[in-house]
Amino acid sequence: MATNKRVFTLRLPDEIFDKIGVLATSEHRSMTNYIEYVLIQHLEQVEKKHGEIKTDQTE
């Protein structure tokens, strides 16, 4: 099944990428997968505290 995902560039210093790489490796994830995981976890925490974030695609 095909997925429709947006792609964007992160402009971060090499030191930050290196730190993310260490964390991703410790979680046995790729850097991309780890960044996605962290962002999703953060969104869930914010929505749990403040309620659902409304977007044009939210019904």
PDB file of N, CA and C in Angstrom:
ATOM      1  N   MET A   1       0.845  -1.176   0.000  1.00  0.00           N
ATOM      2  CA  MET A   1       0.000   0.000   0.000  1.00  0.00           C
ATOM      3  C   MET A   1       0.893   1.243   0.000  1.00  0.00           C
ATOM      4  N   ALA A   2       0.642   2.147  -0.884  1.00  0.00           N
ATOM      5  CA  ALA A   2       1.440   3.373  -0.995  1.00  0.00           C
ATOM      6  C   ALA A   2       1.075   4.341   0.128  1.00  0.00           C
ATOM      7  N   THR A   3       2.067   5.108   0.562  1.00  0.00           N
ATOM      8  CA  THR A   3       1.820   6.129   1.579  1.00  0.00           C
ATOM      9  C   THR A   3       2.164   7.491   1.012  1.00  0.00           C
ATOM     10  N   ASN A   4       1.511   8.495   1.523  1.00  0.00           N
ATOM     11  CA  ASN A   4       1.765   9.866   1.106  1.00  0.00           C
ATOM     12  C   ASN A   4       2.447  10.575   2.266  1.00  0.00           C
ATOM     13  N   LYS A   5       3.747  10.724   2.197  1.00  0.00           N
ATOM     14  CA  LYS A   5       4.507  11.364   3.267  1.00  0.00           C
ATOM     15  C   LYS A   5       5.239  12.574   2.728  1.00  0.00           C
ATOM     16  N   ARG A   6       5.252  13.623   3.519  1.00  0.00           N
ATOM     17  CA  ARG A   6       6.016  14.815   3.169  1.00  0.00           C
ATOM     18  C   ARG A   6       7.450  14.642   3.649  1.00  0.00           C
ATOM     19  N   VAL A   7       8.349  15.277   2.947  1.00  0.00           N
ATOM     20  CA  VAL A   7       9.765  15.213   3.296  1.00  0.00           C
ATOM     21  C   VAL A   7      10.258  16.643   3.481  1.00  0.00           C
ATOM     22  N   PHE A   8      11.104  16.852   4.482  1.00  0.00           N
ATOM     23  CA  PHE A   8      11.677  18.174   4.687  1.00  0.00           C
ATOM     24  C   PHE A   8      13.119  18.039   5.158  1.00  0.00           C
ATOM     25  N   THR A   9      13.843  19.122   5.058  1.00  0.00           N
ATOM     26  CA  THR A   9      15.254  19.148   5.429  1.00  0.00           C
ATOM     27  C   THR A   9      15.404  19.746   6.823  1.00  0.00           C
ATOM     28  N   LEU A  10      16.256  19.136   7.617  1.00  0.00           N
ATOM     29  CA  LEU A  10      16.597  19.694   8.921  1.00  0.00           C
ATOM     30  C   LEU A  10      17.929  20.420   8.792  1.00  0.00           C
ATOM     31  N   ARG A  11      17.972  21.642   9.247  1.00  0.00           N
ATOM     32  CA  ARG A  11      19.224  22.407   9.229  1.00  0.00           C
ATOM     33  C   ARG A  11      19.756  22.474  10.650  1.00  0.00           C
ATOM     34  N   LEU A  12      20.522  21.469  11.009  1.00  0.00           N
ATOM     35  CA  LEU A  12      21.070  21.369  12.350  1.00  0.00           C
ATOM     36  C   LEU A  12      22.587  21.230  12.272  1.00  0.00           C
ATOM     37  N   PRO A  13      23.289  21.702  13.295  1.00  0.00           N
ATOM     38  CA  PRO A  13      24.745  21.525  13.317  1.00  0.00           C
ATOM     39  C   PRO A  13      25.114  20.038  13.372  1.00  0.00           C
ATOM     40  N   ASP A  14      26.292  19.713  12.874  1.00  0.00           N
ATOM     41  CA  ASP A  14      26.767  18.332  12.885  1.00  0.00           C
ATOM     42  C   ASP A  14      26.752  17.737  14.291  1.00  0.00           C
ATOM     43  N   GLU A  15      27.068  18.528  15.288  1.00  0.00           N
ATOM     44  CA  GLU A  15      27.086  18.038  16.676  1.00  0.00           C
ATOM     45  C   GLU A  15      25.708  17.500  17.080  1.00  0.00           C
ATOM     46  N   ILE A  16      24.655  18.207  16.671  1.00  0.00           N
ATOM     47  CA  ILE A  16      23.292  17.765  17.003  1.00  0.00           C
ATOM     48  C   ILE A  16      22.969  16.472  16.259  1.00  0.00           C
ATOM     49  N   PHE A  17      23.314  16.405  14.972  1.00  0.00           N
ATOM     50  CA  PHE A  17      23.101  15.173  14.210  1.00  0.00           C
ATOM     51  C   PHE A  17      23.846  14.007  14.849  1.00  0.00           C
ATOM     52  N   ASP A  18      25.071  14.248  15.305  1.00  0.00           N
ATOM     53  CA  ASP A  18      25.844  13.191  15.955  1.00  0.00           C
ATOM     54  C   ASP A  18      25.149  12.705  17.226  1.00  0.00           C
ATOM     55  N   LYS A  19      24.613  13.636  18.016  1.00  0.00           N
ATOM     56  CA  LYS A  19      23.906  13.260  19.246  1.00  0.00           C
ATOM     57  C   LYS A  19      22.636  12.474  18.931  1.00  0.00           C
ATOM     58  N   ILE A  20      21.900  12.917  17.921  1.00  0.00           N
ATOM     59  CA  ILE A  20      20.701  12.185  17.496  1.00  0.00           C
ATOM     60  C   ILE A  20      21.085  10.783  17.034  1.00  0.00           C
ATOM     61  N   GLY A  21      22.190  10.680  16.317  1.00  0.00           N
ATOM     62  CA  GLY A  21      22.670   9.381  15.867  1.00  0.00           C
ATOM     63  C   GLY A  21      22.968   8.440  17.021  1.00  0.00           C
ATOM     64  N   VAL A  22      23.586   8.961  18.083  1.00  0.00           N
ATOM     65  CA  VAL A  22      23.879   8.147  19.265  1.00  0.00           C
ATOM     66  C   VAL A  22      22.576   7.657  19.899  1.00  0.00           C
ATOM     67  N   LEU A  23      21.617   8.556  20.055  1.00  0.00           N
ATOM     68  CA  LEU A  23      20.332   8.163  20.648  1.00  0.00           C
ATOM     69  C   LEU A  23      19.595   7.158  19.774  1.00  0.00           C
ATOM     70  N   ALA A  24      19.601   7.389  18.457  1.00  0.00           N
ATOM     71  CA  ALA A  24      18.938   6.469  17.529  1.00  0.00           C
ATOM     72  C   ALA A  24      19.556   5.078  17.608  1.00  0.00           C
ATOM     73  N   THR A  25      20.871   5.031  17.632  1.00  0.00           N
ATOM     74  CA  THR A  25      21.569   3.747  17.727  1.00  0.00           C
ATOM     75  C   THR A  25      21.219   3.032  19.028  1.00  0.00           C
ATOM     76  N   SER A  26      21.138   3.769  20.121  1.00  0.00           N
ATOM     77  CA  SER A  26      20.810   3.148  21.410  1.00  0.00           C
ATOM     78  C   SER A  26      19.387   2.596  21.418  1.00  0.00           C
ATOM     79  N   GLU A  27      18.519   3.136  20.569  1.00  0.00           N
ATOM     80  CA  GLU A  27      17.133   2.660  20.452  1.00  0.00           C
ATOM     81  C   GLU A  27      16.965   1.675  19.297  1.00  0.00           C
ATOM     82  N   HIS A  28      18.075   1.330  18.640  1.00  0.00           N
ATOM     83  CA  HIS A  28      18.063   0.416  17.481  1.00  0.00           C
ATOM     84  C   HIS A  28      17.141   0.923  16.373  1.00  0.00           C
ATOM     85  N   ARG A  29      17.244   2.208  16.084  1.00  0.00           N
ATOM     86  CA  ARG A  29      16.446   2.850  15.041  1.00  0.00           C
ATOM     87  C   ARG A  29      17.371   3.609  14.099  1.00  0.00           C
ATOM     88  N   SER A  30      16.872   3.854  12.883  1.00  0.00           N
ATOM     89  CA  SER A  30      17.596   4.752  11.986  1.00  0.00           C
ATOM     90  C   SER A  30      17.398   6.171  12.506  1.00  0.00           C
ATOM     91  N   MET A  31      18.242   7.088  12.056  1.00  0.00           N
ATOM     92  CA  MET A  31      18.080   8.483  12.490  1.00  0.00           C
ATOM     93  C   MET A  31      16.721   9.028  12.065  1.00  0.00           C
ATOM     94  N   THR A  32      16.322   8.758  10.829  1.00  0.00           N
ATOM     95  CA  THR A  32      15.031   9.252  10.344  1.00  0.00           C
ATOM     96  C   THR A  32      13.898   8.686  11.181  1.00  0.00           C
ATOM     97  N   ASN A  33      13.920   7.398  11.425  1.00  0.00           N
ATOM     98  CA  ASN A  33      12.872   6.769  12.216  1.00  0.00           C
ATOM     99  C   ASN A  33      12.866   7.315  13.637  1.00  0.00           C
ATOM    100  N   TYR A  34      14.040   7.554  14.204  1.00  0.00           N
ATOM    101  CA  TYR A  34      14.109   8.080  15.564  1.00  0.00           C
ATOM    102  C   TYR A  34      13.537   9.503  15.636  1.00  0.00           C
ATOM    103  N   ILE A  35      13.887  10.333  14.677  1.00  0.00           N
ATOM    104  CA  ILE A  35      13.352  11.705  14.648  1.00  0.00           C
ATOM    105  C   ILE A  35      11.837  11.672  14.515  1.00  0.00           C
ATOM    106  N   GLU A  36      11.305  10.816  13.634  1.00  0.00           N
ATOM    107  CA  GLU A  36       9.847  10.673  13.499  1.00  0.00           C
ATOM    108  C   GLU A  36       9.229  10.241  14.823  1.00  0.00           C
ATOM    109  N   TYR A  37       9.850   9.249  15.469  1.00  0.00           N
ATOM    110  CA  TYR A  37       9.363   8.733  16.747  1.00  0.00           C
ATOM    111  C   TYR A  37       9.313   9.835  17.808  1.00  0.00           C
ATOM    112  N   VAL A  38      10.389  10.606  17.920  1.00  0.00           N
ATOM    113  CA  VAL A  38      10.457  11.666  18.924  1.00  0.00           C
ATOM    114  C   VAL A  38       9.392  12.733  18.660  1.00  0.00           C
ATOM    115  N   LEU A  39       9.216  13.125  17.417  1.00  0.00           N
ATOM    116  CA  LEU A  39       8.209  14.132  17.087  1.00  0.00           C
ATOM    117  C   LEU A  39       6.797  13.640  17.384  1.00  0.00           C
ATOM    118  N   ILE A  40       6.514  12.400  17.043  1.00  0.00           N
ATOM    119  CA  ILE A  40       5.191  11.831  17.311  1.00  0.00           C
ATOM    120  C   ILE A  40       4.940  11.761  18.815  1.00  0.00           C
ATOM    121  N   GLN A  41       5.938  11.327  19.582  1.00  0.00           N
ATOM    122  CA  GLN A  41       5.804  11.271  21.043  1.00  0.00           C
ATOM    123  C   GLN A  41       5.537  12.661  21.612  1.00  0.00           C
ATOM    124  N   HIS A  42       6.243  13.662  21.105  1.00  0.00           N
ATOM    125  CA  HIS A  42       6.050  15.032  21.588  1.00  0.00           C
ATOM    126  C   HIS A  42       4.632  15.526  21.264  1.00  0.00           C
ATOM    127  N   LEU A  43       4.173  15.288  20.045  1.00  0.00           N
ATOM    128  CA  LEU A  43       2.815  15.688  19.677  1.00  0.00           C
ATOM    129  C   LEU A  43       1.778  15.028  20.586  1.00  0.00           C
ATOM    130  N   GLU A  44       1.958  13.761  20.880  1.00  0.00           N
ATOM    131  CA  GLU A  44       1.026  13.058  21.768  1.00  0.00           C
ATOM    132  C   GLU A  44       1.027  13.675  23.161  1.00  0.00           C
ATOM    133  N   GLN A  45       2.202  14.048  23.673  1.00  0.00           N
ATOM    134  CA  GLN A  45       2.291  14.673  24.990  1.00  0.00           C
ATOM    135  C   GLN A  45       1.588  16.025  25.004  1.00  0.00           C
ATOM    136  N   VAL A  46       1.809  16.833  23.971  1.00  0.00           N
ATOM    137  CA  VAL A  46       1.190  18.157  23.895  1.00  0.00           C
ATOM    138  C   VAL A  46      -0.328  18.020  23.808  1.00  0.00           C
ATOM    139  N   GLU A  47      -0.803  17.102  22.966  1.00  0.00           N
ATOM    140  CA  GLU A  47      -2.255  16.919  22.823  1.00  0.00           C
ATOM    141  C   GLU A  47      -2.882  16.358  24.096  1.00  0.00           C
ATOM    142  N   LYS A  48      -2.147  15.533  24.813  1.00  0.00           N
ATOM    143  CA  LYS A  48      -2.663  15.009  26.076  1.00  0.00           C
ATOM    144  C   LYS A  48      -2.836  16.143  27.083  1.00  0.00           C
ATOM    145  N   LYS A  49      -1.919  17.092  27.063  1.00  0.00           N
ATOM    146  CA  LYS A  49      -1.949  18.210  28.011  1.00  0.00           C
ATOM    147  C   LYS A  49      -2.929  19.309  27.588  1.00  0.00           C
ATOM    148  N   HIS A  50      -2.959  19.622  26.267  1.00  0.00           N
ATOM    149  CA  HIS A  50      -3.704  20.782  25.793  1.00  0.00           C
ATOM    150  C   HIS A  50      -4.884  20.448  24.892  1.00  0.00           C
ATOM    151  N   GLY A  51      -5.084  19.188  24.569  1.00  0.00           N
ATOM    152  CA  GLY A  51      -6.158  18.802  23.660  1.00  0.00           C
ATOM    153  C   GLY A  51      -5.669  18.688  22.238  1.00  0.00           C
ATOM    154  N   GLU A  52      -6.526  18.137  21.400  1.00  0.00           N
ATOM    155  CA  GLU A  52      -6.151  17.871  20.000  1.00  0.00           C
ATOM    156  C   GLU A  52      -5.750  19.139  19.259  1.00  0.00           C
ATOM    157  N   ILE A  53      -4.707  19.038  18.476  1.00  0.00           N
ATOM    158  CA  ILE A  53      -4.266  20.142  17.631  1.00  0.00           C
ATOM    159  C   ILE A  53      -5.083  20.075  16.350  1.00  0.00           C
ATOM    160  N   LYS A  54      -5.815  21.120  16.062  1.00  0.00           N
ATOM    161  CA  LYS A  54      -6.695  21.151  14.890  1.00  0.00           C
ATOM    162  C   LYS A  54      -5.902  21.516  13.633  1.00  0.00           C
ATOM    163  N   THR A  55      -6.148  20.767  12.568  1.00  0.00           N
ATOM    164  CA  THR A  55      -5.563  21.062  11.256  1.00  0.00           C
ATOM    165  C   THR A  55      -6.682  21.023  10.227  1.00  0.00           C
ATOM    166  N   ASP A  56      -6.373  21.370   8.992  1.00  0.00           N
ATOM    167  CA  ASP A  56      -7.367  21.296   7.926  1.00  0.00           C
ATOM    168  C   ASP A  56      -7.829  19.864   7.683  1.00  0.00           C
ATOM    169  N   GLN A  57      -6.979  18.895   8.020  1.00  0.00           N
ATOM    170  CA  GLN A  57      -7.309  17.487   7.791  1.00  0.00           C
ATOM    171  C   GLN A  57      -7.981  16.839   8.993  1.00  0.00           C
ATOM    172  N   THR A  58      -8.073  17.551  10.131  1.00  0.00           N
ATOM    173  CA  THR A  58      -8.726  17.024  11.311  1.00  0.00           C
ATOM    174  C   THR A  58     -10.231  17.123  11.118  1.00  0.00           C
ATOM    175  N   GLU A  59     -10.919  16.023  11.350  1.00  0.00           N
ATOM    176  CA  GLU A  59     -12.379  16.050  11.192  1.00  0.00           C
ATOM    177  C   GLU A  59     -13.051  16.328  12.510  1.00  0.00           C
TER     178      GLU A  59
END
